[in-house]
Amino acid sequence: MLGKLLTILATALSLLVVDIIFPGVDLANFPAAMAAALIIGIVNIGVKPIISILSLPATILTLGAFSLVVNGLCFWLASLFVPGFIVAGFLAFIFAPIVLSVVNTFITNYFAERYPELSE
């Protein structure tokens, strides 16, 4: 349970970094970031596999590049459900999920190295 909460916290902190980097991503406050992190997780678990399977031919034809569109679509879809979380513009749609993933990986690894007892 604590591990899942830390994952949501790391994603929320990553979203705040994405908010600083991309002008097309807007987060109103930290509670909106926490809610967005939770909804992004739900969308990635529930909706993304379906979209990925349906878009498999396009992903194969583009040698995997269409997966960026799928990630952007899931990121944007999450913004529809969270008040105070806005994704606008093509650059934010495509590149913000990439930055989110990279920053989230660094934050998660930082917590795991510093506090291994929390990830158990």
PDB file of N, CA and C in Angstrom:
ATOM      1  N   MET A   1       0.819  -1.188   0.000  1.00  0.00           N
ATOM      2  CA  MET A   1       0.000   0.000   0.000  1.00  0.00           C
ATOM      3  C   MET A   1       0.869   1.262   0.000  1.00  0.00           C
ATOM      4  N   LEU A   2       1.890   1.257   0.842  1.00  0.00           N
ATOM      5  CA  LEU A   2       2.779   2.413   0.907  1.00  0.00           C
ATOM      6  C   LEU A   2       3.543   2.586  -0.400  1.00  0.00           C
ATOM      7  N   GLY A   3       3.896   1.475  -1.043  1.00  0.00           N
ATOM      8  CA  GLY A   3       4.595   1.531  -2.321  1.00  0.00           C
ATOM      9  C   GLY A   3       3.743   2.190  -3.396  1.00  0.00           C
ATOM     10  N   LYS A   4       2.449   1.885  -3.409  1.00  0.00           N
ATOM     11  CA  LYS A   4       1.549   2.498  -4.390  1.00  0.00           C
ATOM     12  C   LYS A   4       1.394   3.992  -4.130  1.00  0.00           C
ATOM     13  N   LEU A   5       1.324   4.367  -2.868  1.00  0.00           N
ATOM     14  CA  LEU A   5       1.226   5.778  -2.514  1.00  0.00           C
ATOM     15  C   LEU A   5       2.489   6.531  -2.927  1.00  0.00           C
ATOM     16  N   LEU A   6       3.645   5.905  -2.735  1.00  0.00           N
ATOM     17  CA  LEU A   6       4.892   6.539  -3.157  1.00  0.00           C
ATOM     18  C   LEU A   6       4.976   6.648  -4.677  1.00  0.00           C
ATOM     19  N   THR A   7       4.438   5.686  -5.389  1.00  0.00           N
ATOM     20  CA  THR A   7       4.404   5.760  -6.847  1.00  0.00           C
ATOM     21  C   THR A   7       3.543   6.930  -7.302  1.00  0.00           C
ATOM     22  N   ILE A   8       2.394   7.109  -6.685  1.00  0.00           N
ATOM     23  CA  ILE A   8       1.526   8.234  -7.016  1.00  0.00           C
ATOM     24  C   ILE A   8       2.206   9.551  -6.664  1.00  0.00           C
ATOM     25  N   LEU A   9       2.878   9.595  -5.520  1.00  0.00           N
ATOM     26  CA  LEU A   9       3.601  10.805  -5.115  1.00  0.00           C
ATOM     27  C   LEU A   9       4.721  11.132  -6.104  1.00  0.00           C
ATOM     28  N   ALA A  10       5.475  10.122  -6.526  1.00  0.00           N
ATOM     29  CA  ALA A  10       6.556  10.343  -7.491  1.00  0.00           C
ATOM     30  C   ALA A  10       5.996  10.832  -8.824  1.00  0.00           C
ATOM     31  N   THR A  11       4.872  10.272  -9.245  1.00  0.00           N
ATOM     32  CA  THR A  11       4.247  10.716 -10.496  1.00  0.00           C
ATOM     33  C   THR A  11       3.736  12.148 -10.365  1.00  0.00           C
ATOM     34  N   ALA A  12       3.182  12.483  -9.212  1.00  0.00           N
ATOM     35  CA  ALA A  12       2.700  13.858  -9.001  1.00  0.00           C
ATOM     36  C   ALA A  12       3.863  14.853  -9.035  1.00  0.00           C
ATOM     37  N   LEU A  13       4.965  14.507  -8.404  1.00  0.00           N
ATOM     38  CA  LEU A  13       6.144  15.382  -8.451  1.00  0.00           C
ATOM     39  C   LEU A  13       6.669  15.498  -9.880  1.00  0.00           C
ATOM     40  N   SER A  14       6.634  14.402 -10.618  1.00  0.00           N
ATOM     41  CA  SER A  14       7.061  14.430 -12.019  1.00  0.00           C
ATOM     42  C   SER A  14       6.144  15.312 -12.850  1.00  0.00           C
ATOM     43  N   LEU A  15       4.857  15.268 -12.568  1.00  0.00           N
ATOM     44  CA  LEU A  15       3.908  16.123 -13.280  1.00  0.00           C
ATOM     45  C   LEU A  15       4.177  17.600 -13.008  1.00  0.00           C
ATOM     46  N   LEU A  16       4.582  17.915 -11.798  1.00  0.00           N
ATOM     47  CA  LEU A  16       4.919  19.303 -11.489  1.00  0.00           C
ATOM     48  C   LEU A  16       6.141  19.758 -12.284  1.00  0.00           C
ATOM     49  N   VAL A  17       7.108  18.867 -12.485  1.00  0.00           N
ATOM     50  CA  VAL A  17       8.265  19.189 -13.317  1.00  0.00           C
ATOM     51  C   VAL A  17       7.835  19.391 -14.766  1.00  0.00           C
ATOM     52  N   VAL A  18       6.963  18.527 -15.250  1.00  0.00           N
ATOM     53  CA  VAL A  18       6.451  18.657 -16.618  1.00  0.00           C
ATOM     54  C   VAL A  18       5.694  19.981 -16.763  1.00  0.00           C
ATOM     55  N   ASP A  19       4.966  20.367 -15.739  1.00  0.00           N
ATOM     56  CA  ASP A  19       4.238  21.639 -15.751  1.00  0.00           C
ATOM     57  C   ASP A  19       5.208  22.818 -15.898  1.00  0.00           C
ATOM     58  N   ILE A  20       6.360  22.729 -15.289  1.00  0.00           N
ATOM     59  CA  ILE A  20       7.363  23.792 -15.391  1.00  0.00           C
ATOM     60  C   ILE A  20       7.986  23.820 -16.784  1.00  0.00           C
ATOM     61  N   ILE A  21       8.247  22.659 -17.365  1.00  0.00           N
ATOM     62  CA  ILE A  21       8.963  22.576 -18.636  1.00  0.00           C
ATOM     63  C   ILE A  21       8.075  22.935 -19.819  1.00  0.00           C
ATOM     64  N   PHE A  22       6.844  22.434 -19.850  1.00  0.00           N
ATOM     65  CA  PHE A  22       5.973  22.608 -21.017  1.00  0.00           C
ATOM     66  C   PHE A  22       4.887  23.640 -20.743  1.00  0.00           C
ATOM     67  N   PRO A  23       4.830  24.679 -21.581  1.00  0.00           N
ATOM     68  CA  PRO A  23       3.767  25.666 -21.393  1.00  0.00           C
ATOM     69  C   PRO A  23       2.382  25.114 -21.713  1.00  0.00           C
ATOM     70  N   GLY A  24       2.278  24.023 -22.458  1.00  0.00           N
ATOM     71  CA  GLY A  24       0.987  23.438 -22.797  1.00  0.00           C
ATOM     72  C   GLY A  24       0.399  22.565 -21.710  1.00  0.00           C
ATOM     73  N   VAL A  25       1.184  22.278 -20.679  1.00  0.00           N
ATOM     74  CA  VAL A  25       0.688  21.490 -19.551  1.00  0.00           C
ATOM     75  C   VAL A  25       0.506  22.433 -18.377  1.00  0.00           C
ATOM     76  N   ASP A  26      -0.683  22.423 -17.796  1.00  0.00           N
ATOM     77  CA  ASP A  26      -0.981  23.335 -16.697  1.00  0.00           C
ATOM     78  C   ASP A  26      -1.601  22.562 -15.546  1.00  0.00           C
ATOM     79  N   LEU A  27      -0.974  22.658 -14.392  1.00  0.00           N
ATOM     80  CA  LEU A  27      -1.503  22.074 -13.160  1.00  0.00           C
ATOM     81  C   LEU A  27      -1.819  23.205 -12.194  1.00  0.00           C
ATOM     82  N   ALA A  28      -3.011  23.193 -11.650  1.00  0.00           N
ATOM     83  CA  ALA A  28      -3.444  24.277 -10.782  1.00  0.00           C
ATOM     84  C   ALA A  28      -2.725  24.255  -9.434  1.00  0.00           C
ATOM     85  N   ASN A  29      -2.557  23.060  -8.859  1.00  0.00           N
ATOM     86  CA  ASN A  29      -1.964  22.956  -7.529  1.00  0.00           C
ATOM     87  C   ASN A  29      -1.515  21.509  -7.283  1.00  0.00           C
ATOM     88  N   PHE A  30      -0.953  21.258  -6.103  1.00  0.00           N
ATOM     89  CA  PHE A  30      -0.454  19.922  -5.794  1.00  0.00           C
ATOM     90  C   PHE A  30      -1.567  18.876  -5.686  1.00  0.00           C
ATOM     91  N   PRO A  31      -2.726  19.197  -5.088  1.00  0.00           N
ATOM     92  CA  PRO A  31      -3.803  18.196  -5.095  1.00  0.00           C
ATOM     93  C   PRO A  31      -4.240  17.806  -6.512  1.00  0.00           C
ATOM     94  N   ALA A  32      -4.230  18.764  -7.433  1.00  0.00           N
ATOM     95  CA  ALA A  32      -4.553  18.432  -8.827  1.00  0.00           C
ATOM     96  C   ALA A  32      -3.490  17.506  -9.406  1.00  0.00           C
ATOM     97  N   ALA A  33      -2.236  17.709  -9.026  1.00  0.00           N
ATOM     98  CA  ALA A  33      -1.156  16.828  -9.488  1.00  0.00           C
ATOM     99  C   ALA A  33      -1.331  15.420  -8.925  1.00  0.00           C
ATOM    100  N   MET A  34      -1.719  15.316  -7.664  1.00  0.00           N
ATOM    101  CA  MET A  34      -1.959  13.996  -7.066  1.00  0.00           C
ATOM    102  C   MET A  34      -3.130  13.291  -7.760  1.00  0.00           C
ATOM    103  N   ALA A  35      -4.208  14.030  -8.015  1.00  0.00           N
ATOM    104  CA  ALA A  35      -5.355  13.445  -8.698  1.00  0.00           C
ATOM    105  C   ALA A  35      -4.982  13.035 -10.119  1.00  0.00           C
ATOM    106  N   ALA A  36      -4.208  13.880 -10.794  1.00  0.00           N
ATOM    107  CA  ALA A  36      -3.779  13.560 -12.161  1.00  0.00           C
ATOM    108  C   ALA A  36      -2.896  12.321 -12.168  1.00  0.00           C
ATOM    109  N   ALA A  37      -2.023  12.188 -11.185  1.00  0.00           N
ATOM    110  CA  ALA A  37      -1.156  11.004 -11.101  1.00  0.00           C
ATOM    111  C   ALA A  37      -1.994   9.744 -10.928  1.00  0.00           C
ATOM    112  N   LEU A  38      -3.004   9.810 -10.098  1.00  0.00           N
ATOM    113  CA  LEU A  38      -3.883   8.661  -9.886  1.00  0.00           C
ATOM    114  C   LEU A  38      -4.649   8.310 -11.164  1.00  0.00           C
ATOM    115  N   ILE A  39      -5.190   9.317 -11.832  1.00  0.00           N
ATOM    116  CA  ILE A  39      -5.967   9.076 -13.050  1.00  0.00           C
ATOM    117  C   ILE A  39      -5.059   8.581 -14.179  1.00  0.00           C
ATOM    118  N   ILE A  40      -3.849   9.118 -14.281  1.00  0.00           N
ATOM    119  CA  ILE A  40      -2.904   8.628 -15.294  1.00  0.00           C
ATOM    120  C   ILE A  40      -2.625   7.141 -15.068  1.00  0.00           C
ATOM    121  N   GLY A  41      -2.449   6.755 -13.817  1.00  0.00           N
ATOM    122  CA  GLY A  41      -2.245   5.336 -13.508  1.00  0.00           C
ATOM    123  C   GLY A  41      -3.437   4.485 -13.912  1.00  0.00           C
ATOM    124  N   ILE A  42      -4.634   4.971 -13.635  1.00  0.00           N
ATOM    125  CA  ILE A  42      -5.844   4.228 -13.989  1.00  0.00           C
ATOM    126  C   ILE A  42      -5.988   4.118 -15.501  1.00  0.00           C
ATOM    127  N   VAL A  43      -5.735   5.222 -16.208  1.00  0.00           N
ATOM    128  CA  VAL A  43      -5.832   5.209 -17.676  1.00  0.00           C
ATOM    129  C   VAL A  43      -4.785   4.261 -18.261  1.00  0.00           C
ATOM    130  N   ASN A  44      -3.571   4.287 -17.716  1.00  0.00           N
ATOM    131  CA  ASN A  44      -2.514   3.409 -18.227  1.00  0.00           C
ATOM    132  C   ASN A  44      -2.814   1.934 -17.979  1.00  0.00           C
ATOM    133  N   ILE A  45      -3.517   1.644 -16.910  1.00  0.00           N
ATOM    134  CA  ILE A  45      -3.863   0.253 -16.612  1.00  0.00           C
ATOM    135  C   ILE A  45      -5.097  -0.202 -17.396  1.00  0.00           C
ATOM    136  N   GLY A  46      -6.097   0.671 -17.508  1.00  0.00           N
ATOM    137  CA  GLY A  46      -7.363   0.248 -18.082  1.00  0.00           C
ATOM    138  C   GLY A  46      -7.554   0.539 -19.555  1.00  0.00           C
ATOM    139  N   VAL A  47      -7.165   1.721 -20.004  1.00  0.00           N
ATOM    140  CA  VAL A  47      -7.475   2.150 -21.364  1.00  0.00           C
ATOM    141  C   VAL A  47      -6.309   1.947 -22.324  1.00  0.00           C
ATOM    142  N   LYS A  48      -5.100   2.190 -21.871  1.00  0.00           N
ATOM    143  CA  LYS A  48      -3.938   2.137 -22.759  1.00  0.00           C
ATOM    144  C   LYS A  48      -3.748   0.776 -23.435  1.00  0.00           C
ATOM    145  N   PRO A  49      -3.936  -0.349 -22.749  1.00  0.00           N
ATOM    146  CA  PRO A  49      -3.782  -1.629 -23.455  1.00  0.00           C
ATOM    147  C   PRO A  49      -4.766  -1.796 -24.617  1.00  0.00           C
ATOM    148  N   ILE A  50      -5.974  -1.307 -24.440  1.00  0.00           N
ATOM    149  CA  ILE A  50      -6.975  -1.411 -25.503  1.00  0.00           C
ATOM    150  C   ILE A  50      -6.573  -0.544 -26.688  1.00  0.00           C
ATOM    151  N   ILE A  51      -6.170   0.694 -26.411  1.00  0.00           N
ATOM    152  CA  ILE A  51      -5.743   1.595 -27.490  1.00  0.00           C
ATOM    153  C   ILE A  51      -4.505   1.043 -28.180  1.00  0.00           C
ATOM    154  N   SER A  52      -3.593   0.479 -27.408  1.00  0.00           N
ATOM    155  CA  SER A  52      -2.372  -0.079 -28.001  1.00  0.00           C
ATOM    156  C   SER A  52      -2.674  -1.236 -28.949  1.00  0.00           C
ATOM    157  N   ILE A  53      -3.595  -2.085 -28.561  1.00  0.00           N
ATOM    158  CA  ILE A  53      -3.958  -3.214 -29.428  1.00  0.00           C
ATOM    159  C   ILE A  53      -4.661  -2.717 -30.690  1.00  0.00           C
ATOM    160  N   LEU A  54      -5.563  -1.763 -30.536  1.00  0.00           N
ATOM    161  CA  LEU A  54      -6.283  -1.239 -31.690  1.00  0.00           C
ATOM    162  C   LEU A  54      -5.365  -0.486 -32.655  1.00  0.00           C
ATOM    163  N   SER A  55      -4.316   0.126 -32.119  1.00  0.00           N
ATOM    164  CA  SER A  55      -3.406   0.908 -32.965  1.00  0.00           C
ATOM    165  C   SER A  55      -2.168   0.118 -33.372  1.00  0.00           C
ATOM    166  N   LEU A  56      -2.164  -1.174 -33.136  1.00  0.00           N
ATOM    167  CA  LEU A  56      -1.001  -1.992 -33.458  1.00  0.00           C
ATOM    168  C   LEU A  56      -0.592  -1.910 -34.929  1.00  0.00           C
ATOM    169  N   PRO A  57      -1.515  -1.944 -35.882  1.00  0.00           N
ATOM    170  CA  PRO A  57      -1.080  -1.811 -37.286  1.00  0.00           C
ATOM    171  C   PRO A  57      -0.358  -0.486 -37.566  1.00  0.00           C
ATOM    172  N   ALA A  58      -0.875   0.613 -37.018  1.00  0.00           N
ATOM    173  CA  ALA A  58      -0.223   1.911 -37.223  1.00  0.00           C
ATOM    174  C   ALA A  58       1.138   1.944 -36.540  1.00  0.00           C
ATOM    175  N   THR A  59       1.238   1.315 -35.375  1.00  0.00           N
ATOM    176  CA  THR A  59       2.517   1.268 -34.664  1.00  0.00           C
ATOM    177  C   THR A  59       3.545   0.467 -35.454  1.00  0.00           C
ATOM    178  N   ILE A  60       3.122  -0.632 -36.051  1.00  0.00           N
ATOM    179  CA  ILE A  60       4.038  -1.447 -36.861  1.00  0.00           C
ATOM    180  C   ILE A  60       4.463  -0.689 -38.113  1.00  0.00           C
ATOM    181  N   LEU A  61       3.502  -0.040 -38.772  1.00  0.00           N
ATOM    182  CA  LEU A  61       3.821   0.708 -39.996  1.00  0.00           C
ATOM    183  C   LEU A  61       4.780   1.864 -39.746  1.00  0.00           C
ATOM    184  N   THR A  62       4.697   2.468 -38.570  1.00  0.00           N
ATOM    185  CA  THR A  62       5.571   3.607 -38.253  1.00  0.00           C
ATOM    186  C   THR A  62       6.801   3.184 -37.454  1.00  0.00           C
ATOM    187  N   LEU A  63       7.032   1.880 -37.386  1.00  0.00           N
ATOM    188  CA  LEU A  63       8.176   1.325 -36.636  1.00  0.00           C
ATOM    189  C   LEU A  63       8.193   1.774 -35.178  1.00  0.00           C
ATOM    190  N   GLY A  64       7.021   1.849 -34.580  1.00  0.00           N
ATOM    191  CA  GLY A  64       6.903   2.167 -33.162  1.00  0.00           C
ATOM    192  C   GLY A  64       6.658   3.619 -32.847  1.00  0.00           C
ATOM    193  N   ALA A  65       6.792   4.506 -33.816  1.00  0.00           N
ATOM    194  CA  ALA A  65       6.627   5.935 -33.544  1.00  0.00           C
ATOM    195  C   ALA A  65       5.192   6.291 -33.151  1.00  0.00           C
ATOM    196  N   PHE A  66       4.228   5.510 -33.613  1.00  0.00           N
ATOM    197  CA  PHE A  66       2.830   5.799 -33.271  1.00  0.00           C
ATOM    198  C   PHE A  66       2.569   5.586 -31.776  1.00  0.00           C
ATOM    199  N   SER A  67       3.435   4.860 -31.094  1.00  0.00           N
ATOM    200  CA  SER A  67       3.255   4.681 -29.650  1.00  0.00           C
ATOM    201  C   SER A  67       3.375   6.012 -28.904  1.00  0.00           C
ATOM    202  N   LEU A  68       4.092   6.979 -29.493  1.00  0.00           N
ATOM    203  CA  LEU A  68       4.139   8.320 -28.898  1.00  0.00           C
ATOM    204  C   LEU A  68       2.759   8.964 -28.921  1.00  0.00           C
ATOM    205  N   VAL A  69       2.020   8.744 -29.995  1.00  0.00           N
ATOM    206  CA  VAL A  69       0.660   9.267 -30.094  1.00  0.00           C
ATOM    207  C   VAL A  69      -0.249   8.579 -29.076  1.00  0.00           C
ATOM    208  N   VAL A  70      -0.070   7.281 -28.903  1.00  0.00           N
ATOM    209  CA  VAL A  70      -0.871   6.545 -27.920  1.00  0.00           C
ATOM    210  C   VAL A  70      -0.584   7.075 -26.512  1.00  0.00           C
ATOM    211  N   ASN A  71       0.682   7.289 -26.183  1.00  0.00           N
ATOM    212  CA  ASN A  71       1.031   7.848 -24.870  1.00  0.00           C
ATOM    213  C   ASN A  71       0.439   9.238 -24.690  1.00  0.00           C
ATOM    214  N   GLY A  72       0.533  10.063 -25.738  1.00  0.00           N
ATOM    215  CA  GLY A  72      -0.035  11.403 -25.672  1.00  0.00           C
ATOM    216  C   GLY A  72      -1.541  11.375 -25.509  1.00  0.00           C
ATOM    217  N   LEU A  73      -2.183  10.452 -26.193  1.00  0.00           N
ATOM    218  CA  LEU A  73      -3.635  10.327 -26.081  1.00  0.00           C
ATOM    219  C   LEU A  73      -4.050   9.944 -24.658  1.00  0.00           C
ATOM    220  N   CYS A  74      -3.332   9.025 -24.055  1.00  0.00           N
ATOM    221  CA  CYS A  74      -3.639   8.623 -22.674  1.00  0.00           C
ATOM    222  C   CYS A  74      -3.374   9.769 -21.694  1.00  0.00           C
ATOM    223  N   PHE A  75      -2.307  10.515 -21.926  1.00  0.00           N
ATOM    224  CA  PHE A  75      -1.972  11.671 -21.087  1.00  0.00           C
ATOM    225  C   PHE A  75      -3.084  12.720 -21.193  1.00  0.00           C
ATOM    226  N   TRP A  76      -3.507  13.012 -22.422  1.00  0.00           N
ATOM    227  CA  TRP A  76      -4.568  13.988 -22.649  1.00  0.00           C
ATOM    228  C   TRP A  76      -5.887  13.496 -22.070  1.00  0.00           C
ATOM    229  N   LEU A  77      -6.174  12.195 -22.238  1.00  0.00           N
ATOM    230  CA  LEU A  77      -7.406  11.621 -21.713  1.00  0.00           C
ATOM    231  C   LEU A  77      -7.489  11.779 -20.202  1.00  0.00           C
ATOM    232  N   ALA A  78      -6.374  11.601 -19.528  1.00  0.00           N
ATOM    233  CA  ALA A  78      -6.353  11.784 -18.076  1.00  0.00           C
ATOM    234  C   ALA A  78      -6.676  13.231 -17.705  1.00  0.00           C
ATOM    235  N   SER A  79      -6.233  14.178 -18.538  1.00  0.00           N
ATOM    236  CA  SER A  79      -6.501  15.586 -18.239  1.00  0.00           C
ATOM    237  C   SER A  79      -7.989  15.927 -18.336  1.00  0.00           C
ATOM    238  N   LEU A  80      -8.746  15.132 -19.075  1.00  0.00           N
ATOM    239  CA  LEU A  80     -10.185  15.386 -19.185  1.00  0.00           C
ATOM    240  C   LEU A  80     -10.928  15.092 -17.883  1.00  0.00           C
ATOM    241  N   PHE A  81     -10.365  14.226 -17.056  1.00  0.00           N
ATOM    242  CA  PHE A  81     -11.037  13.801 -15.830  1.00  0.00           C
ATOM    243  C   PHE A  81     -10.590  14.549 -14.582  1.00  0.00           C
ATOM    244  N   VAL A  82      -9.550  15.383 -14.699  1.00  0.00           N
ATOM    245  CA  VAL A  82      -9.015  16.053 -13.514  1.00  0.00           C
ATOM    246  C   VAL A  82      -9.172  17.563 -13.666  1.00  0.00           C
ATOM    247  N   PRO A  83      -9.997  18.176 -12.834  1.00  0.00           N
ATOM    248  CA  PRO A  83     -10.077  19.639 -12.867  1.00  0.00           C
ATOM    249  C   PRO A  83      -8.734  20.227 -12.415  1.00  0.00           C
ATOM    250  N   GLY A  84      -8.264  21.219 -13.111  1.00  0.00           N
ATOM    251  CA  GLY A  84      -6.990  21.836 -12.769  1.00  0.00           C
ATOM    252  C   GLY A  84      -5.806  21.216 -13.475  1.00  0.00           C
ATOM    253  N   PHE A  85      -6.052  20.261 -14.378  1.00  0.00           N
ATOM    254  CA  PHE A  85      -4.997  19.633 -15.164  1.00  0.00           C
ATOM    255  C   PHE A  85      -5.373  19.789 -16.633  1.00  0.00           C
ATOM    256  N   ILE A  86      -4.559  20.565 -17.360  1.00  0.00           N
ATOM    257  CA  ILE A  86      -4.862  20.877 -18.757  1.00  0.00           C
ATOM    258  C   ILE A  86      -3.667  20.500 -19.626  1.00  0.00           C
ATOM    259  N   VAL A  87      -3.945  19.821 -20.727  1.00  0.00           N
ATOM    260  CA  VAL A  87      -2.933  19.514 -21.743  1.00  0.00           C
ATOM    261  C   VAL A  87      -3.404  20.161 -23.035  1.00  0.00           C
ATOM    262  N   ALA A  88      -2.630  21.124 -23.530  1.00  0.00           N
ATOM    263  CA  ALA A  88      -3.003  21.839 -24.752  1.00  0.00           C
ATOM    264  C   ALA A  88      -1.776  21.993 -25.639  1.00  0.00           C
ATOM    265  N   GLY A  89      -1.943  21.731 -26.903  1.00  0.00           N
ATOM    266  CA  GLY A  89      -0.852  21.904 -27.854  1.00  0.00           C
ATOM    267  C   GLY A  89      -0.204  20.589 -28.234  1.00  0.00           C
ATOM    268  N   PHE A  90       0.283  20.558 -29.461  1.00  0.00           N
ATOM    269  CA  PHE A  90       0.864  19.337 -30.008  1.00  0.00           C
ATOM    270  C   PHE A  90       2.150  18.935 -29.287  1.00  0.00           C
ATOM    271  N   LEU A  91       3.015  19.906 -28.973  1.00  0.00           N
ATOM    272  CA  LEU A  91       4.280  19.575 -28.296  1.00  0.00           C
ATOM    273  C   LEU A  91       4.029  18.972 -26.924  1.00  0.00           C
ATOM    274  N   ALA A  92       3.079  19.533 -26.202  1.00  0.00           N
ATOM    275  CA  ALA A  92       2.743  18.973 -24.892  1.00  0.00           C
ATOM    276  C   ALA A  92       2.128  17.588 -25.041  1.00  0.00           C
ATOM    277  N   PHE A  93       1.313  17.404 -26.056  1.00  0.00           N
ATOM    278  CA  PHE A  93       0.645  16.129 -26.309  1.00  0.00           C
ATOM    279  C   PHE A  93       1.655  15.012 -26.585  1.00  0.00           C
ATOM    280  N   ILE A  94       2.700  15.310 -27.354  1.00  0.00           N
ATOM    281  CA  ILE A  94       3.674  14.288 -27.749  1.00  0.00           C
ATOM    282  C   ILE A  94       4.833  14.170 -26.756  1.00  0.00           C
ATOM    283  N   PHE A  95       5.418  15.293 -26.354  1.00  0.00           N
ATOM    284  CA  PHE A  95       6.667  15.241 -25.593  1.00  0.00           C
ATOM    285  C   PHE A  95       6.509  15.257 -24.076  1.00  0.00           C
ATOM    286  N   ALA A  96       5.397  15.775 -23.560  1.00  0.00           N
ATOM    287  CA  ALA A  96       5.210  15.797 -22.106  1.00  0.00           C
ATOM    288  C   ALA A  96       5.174  14.389 -21.495  1.00  0.00           C
ATOM    289  N   PRO A  97       4.514  13.398 -22.120  1.00  0.00           N
ATOM    290  CA  PRO A  97       4.568  12.047 -21.541  1.00  0.00           C
ATOM    291  C   PRO A  97       5.981  11.458 -21.526  1.00  0.00           C
ATOM    292  N   ILE A  98       6.807  11.835 -22.494  1.00  0.00           N
ATOM    293  CA  ILE A  98       8.195  11.346 -22.510  1.00  0.00           C
ATOM    294  C   ILE A  98       8.957  11.928 -21.322  1.00  0.00           C
ATOM    295  N   VAL A  99       8.834  13.239 -21.134  1.00  0.00           N
ATOM    296  CA  VAL A  99       9.518  13.891 -20.008  1.00  0.00           C
ATOM    297  C   VAL A  99       8.962  13.362 -18.692  1.00  0.00           C
ATOM    298  N   LEU A 100       7.656  13.161 -18.625  1.00  0.00           N
ATOM    299  CA  LEU A 100       7.046  12.599 -17.414  1.00  0.00           C
ATOM    300  C   LEU A 100       7.654  11.250 -17.082  1.00  0.00           C
ATOM    301  N   SER A 101       7.808  10.411 -18.071  1.00  0.00           N
ATOM    302  CA  SER A 101       8.376   9.084 -17.861  1.00  0.00           C
ATOM    303  C   SER A 101       9.823   9.148 -17.378  1.00  0.00           C
ATOM    304  N   VAL A 102      10.618  10.000 -17.995  1.00  0.00           N
ATOM    305  CA  VAL A 102      12.033  10.113 -17.616  1.00  0.00           C
ATOM    306  C   VAL A 102      12.173  10.661 -16.199  1.00  0.00           C
ATOM    307  N   VAL A 103      11.458  11.745 -15.899  1.00  0.00           N
ATOM    308  CA  VAL A 103      11.549  12.350 -14.567  1.00  0.00           C
ATOM    309  C   VAL A 103      11.010  11.385 -13.517  1.00  0.00           C
ATOM    310  N   ASN A 104       9.924  10.693 -13.822  1.00  0.00           N
ATOM    311  CA  ASN A 104       9.346   9.732 -12.890  1.00  0.00           C
ATOM    312  C   ASN A 104      10.322   8.597 -12.593  1.00  0.00           C
ATOM    313  N   THR A 105      11.042   8.152 -13.604  1.00  0.00           N
ATOM    314  CA  THR A 105      12.040   7.098 -13.402  1.00  0.00           C
ATOM    315  C   THR A 105      13.135   7.572 -12.455  1.00  0.00           C
ATOM    316  N   PHE A 106      13.631   8.795 -12.662  1.00  0.00           N
ATOM    317  CA  PHE A 106      14.675   9.324 -11.788  1.00  0.00           C
ATOM    318  C   PHE A 106      14.192   9.478 -10.349  1.00  0.00           C
ATOM    319  N   ILE A 107      12.987  10.025 -10.170  1.00  0.00           N
ATOM    320  CA  ILE A 107      12.467  10.220  -8.809  1.00  0.00           C
ATOM    321  C   ILE A 107      12.224   8.881  -8.127  1.00  0.00           C
ATOM    322  N   THR A 108      11.650   7.932  -8.836  1.00  0.00           N
ATOM    323  CA  THR A 108      11.387   6.610  -8.266  1.00  0.00           C
ATOM    324  C   THR A 108      12.683   5.913  -7.882  1.00  0.00           C
ATOM    325  N   ASN A 109      13.692   5.979  -8.745  1.00  0.00           N
ATOM    326  CA  ASN A 109      14.987   5.374  -8.434  1.00  0.00           C
ATOM    327  C   ASN A 109      15.654   6.065  -7.254  1.00  0.00           C
ATOM    328  N   TYR A 110      15.496   7.368  -7.160  1.00  0.00           N
ATOM    329  CA  TYR A 110      16.062   8.110  -6.031  1.00  0.00           C
ATOM    330  C   TYR A 110      15.450   7.623  -4.717  1.00  0.00           C
ATOM    331  N   PHE A 111      14.103   7.532  -4.679  1.00  0.00           N
ATOM    332  CA  PHE A 111      13.442   7.048  -3.468  1.00  0.00           C
ATOM    333  C   PHE A 111      13.847   5.612  -3.156  1.00  0.00           C
ATOM    334  N   ALA A 112      13.955   4.774  -4.162  1.00  0.00           N
ATOM    335  CA  ALA A 112      14.287   3.368  -3.952  1.00  0.00           C
ATOM    336  C   ALA A 112      15.710   3.202  -3.415  1.00  0.00           C
ATOM    337  N   GLU A 113      16.649   4.033  -3.888  1.00  0.00           N
ATOM    338  CA  GLU A 113      18.031   3.948  -3.392  1.00  0.00           C
ATOM    339  C   GLU A 113      18.170   4.510  -1.989  1.00  0.00           C
ATOM    340  N   ARG A 114      17.526   5.623  -1.733  1.00  0.00           N
ATOM    341  CA  ARG A 114      17.651   6.288  -0.426  1.00  0.00           C
ATOM    342  C   ARG A 114      16.863   5.591   0.677  1.00  0.00           C
ATOM    343  N   TYR A 115      15.698   5.071   0.327  1.00  0.00           N
ATOM    344  CA  TYR A 115      14.805   4.483   1.326  1.00  0.00           C
ATOM    345  C   TYR A 115      14.323   3.114   0.840  1.00  0.00           C
ATOM    346  N   PRO A 116      15.206   2.112   0.820  1.00  0.00           N
ATOM    347  CA  PRO A 116      14.785   0.794   0.327  1.00  0.00           C
ATOM    348  C   PRO A 116      13.704   0.137   1.166  1.00  0.00           C
ATOM    349  N   GLU A 117      13.619   0.498   2.443  1.00  0.00           N
ATOM    350  CA  GLU A 117      12.611  -0.113   3.306  1.00  0.00           C
ATOM    351  C   GLU A 117      11.202   0.340   2.946  1.00  0.00           C
ATOM    352  N   LEU A 118      11.067   1.480   2.262  1.00  0.00           N
ATOM    353  CA  LEU A 118       9.734   1.956   1.877  1.00  0.00           C
ATOM    354  C   LEU A 118       9.169   1.222   0.671  1.00  0.00           C
ATOM    355  N   SER A 119      10.031   0.687  -0.164  1.00  0.00           N
ATOM    356  CA  SER A 119       9.546   0.033  -1.372  1.00  0.00           C
ATOM    357  C   SER A 119       9.192  -1.439  -1.149  1.00  0.00           C
ATOM    358  N   GLU A 120       9.367  -1.946   0.023  1.00  0.00           N
ATOM    359  CA  GLU A 120       9.051  -3.356   0.307  1.00  0.00           C
ATOM    360  C   GLU A 120       7.591  -3.577   0.530  1.00  0.00           C
TER     361      GLU A 120
END
